[in-house]
Amino acid sequence: MNKIKTHPTTPLPVDLLAETTRDALFDQAADLVYQAFADPTDDHIECVYLRLVFNHLGGAGDAGAVTVH
């Protein structure tokens, strides 16, 4: 997986959320991944989690979080 290079002081979108929101989105990501994929990995969960964070900040819910392209 490619790593995103950011300036050390640049907050990532996940850093803008309260811990309880981050935890809830992570739990939701794990649930979605285990429903959508036959053999899920930690990378699946991480990617879906980051998509859920992005969606949450834009008000999109879980739309497209497990869509495979």
Protein backbone atom coordinates (compact mmCIF):
# COMPACT_ATOMS: atom_id res chain seq x y z
CA MET A 1 0.00 0.00 0.00
CA ASN A 2 1.32 3.46 -0.84
CA LYS A 3 1.76 5.76 2.09
CA ILE A 4 0.51 9.32 1.95
CA LYS A 5 3.28 11.84 2.51
CA THR A 6 2.14 14.88 4.45
CA HIS A 7 3.82 17.70 6.26
CA PRO A 8 4.31 16.67 9.92
CA THR A 9 1.99 19.43 11.15
CA THR A 10 -0.78 18.71 8.64
CA PRO A 11 -3.66 17.06 10.50
CA LEU A 12 -5.09 14.02 8.79
CA PRO A 13 -8.89 14.01 8.44
CA VAL A 14 -9.12 11.32 11.10
CA ASP A 15 -7.37 13.67 13.56
CA LEU A 16 -10.26 16.11 13.21
CA LEU A 17 -12.78 13.67 14.71
CA ALA A 18 -13.55 12.93 18.34
CA GLU A 19 -12.19 9.64 19.65
CA THR A 20 -15.69 8.22 20.12
CA THR A 21 -16.53 9.03 16.49
CA ARG A 22 -13.28 7.42 15.29
CA ASP A 23 -14.03 4.30 17.34
CA ALA A 24 -17.58 4.07 16.00
CA LEU A 25 -16.40 4.48 12.40
CA PHE A 26 -13.72 1.82 12.90
CA ASP A 27 -16.28 -0.61 14.31
CA GLN A 28 -18.58 0.16 11.37
CA ALA A 29 -15.69 -0.41 8.94
CA ALA A 30 -14.94 -3.81 10.46
CA ASP A 31 -18.61 -4.80 10.27
CA LEU A 32 -18.90 -3.70 6.63
CA VAL A 33 -15.70 -5.48 5.63
CA TYR A 34 -16.74 -8.78 7.19
CA GLN A 35 -20.12 -8.52 5.42
CA ALA A 36 -18.65 -7.59 2.02
CA PHE A 37 -15.48 -9.68 1.65
CA ALA A 38 -14.98 -13.44 1.88
CA ASP A 39 -11.40 -13.23 3.18
CA PRO A 40 -10.95 -9.75 4.69
CA THR A 41 -7.59 -8.37 5.78
CA ASP A 42 -6.49 -5.52 8.01
CA ASP A 43 -5.84 -3.51 4.83
CA HIS A 44 -9.50 -3.91 3.86
CA ILE A 45 -10.58 -2.57 7.24
CA GLU A 46 -8.12 0.33 7.10
CA CYS A 47 -9.21 1.38 3.61
CA VAL A 48 -12.92 1.16 4.44
CA TYR A 49 -12.30 3.05 7.69
CA LEU A 50 -10.54 5.88 5.86
CA ARG A 51 -13.39 6.01 3.33
CA LEU A 52 -15.91 6.19 6.18
CA VAL A 53 -13.94 9.06 7.75
CA PHE A 54 -13.94 10.88 4.40
CA ASN A 55 -17.66 10.20 3.98
CA HIS A 56 -18.42 11.29 7.54
CA LEU A 57 -16.70 14.62 7.02
CA GLY A 58 -18.75 15.15 3.85
CA GLY A 59 -22.02 13.83 5.26
CA ALA A 60 -22.18 10.82 2.91
CA GLY A 61 -22.65 8.00 5.44
CA ASP A 62 -21.33 4.64 4.26
CA ALA A 63 -22.03 5.20 0.54
CA GLY A 64 -19.41 3.44 -1.57
CA ALA A 65 -17.28 2.41 1.41
CA VAL A 66 -16.85 -1.18 0.22
CA THR A 67 -17.13 -0.59 -3.53
CA VAL A 68 -14.39 -2.44 -5.38
CA HIS A 69 -13.03 -0.87 -8.57
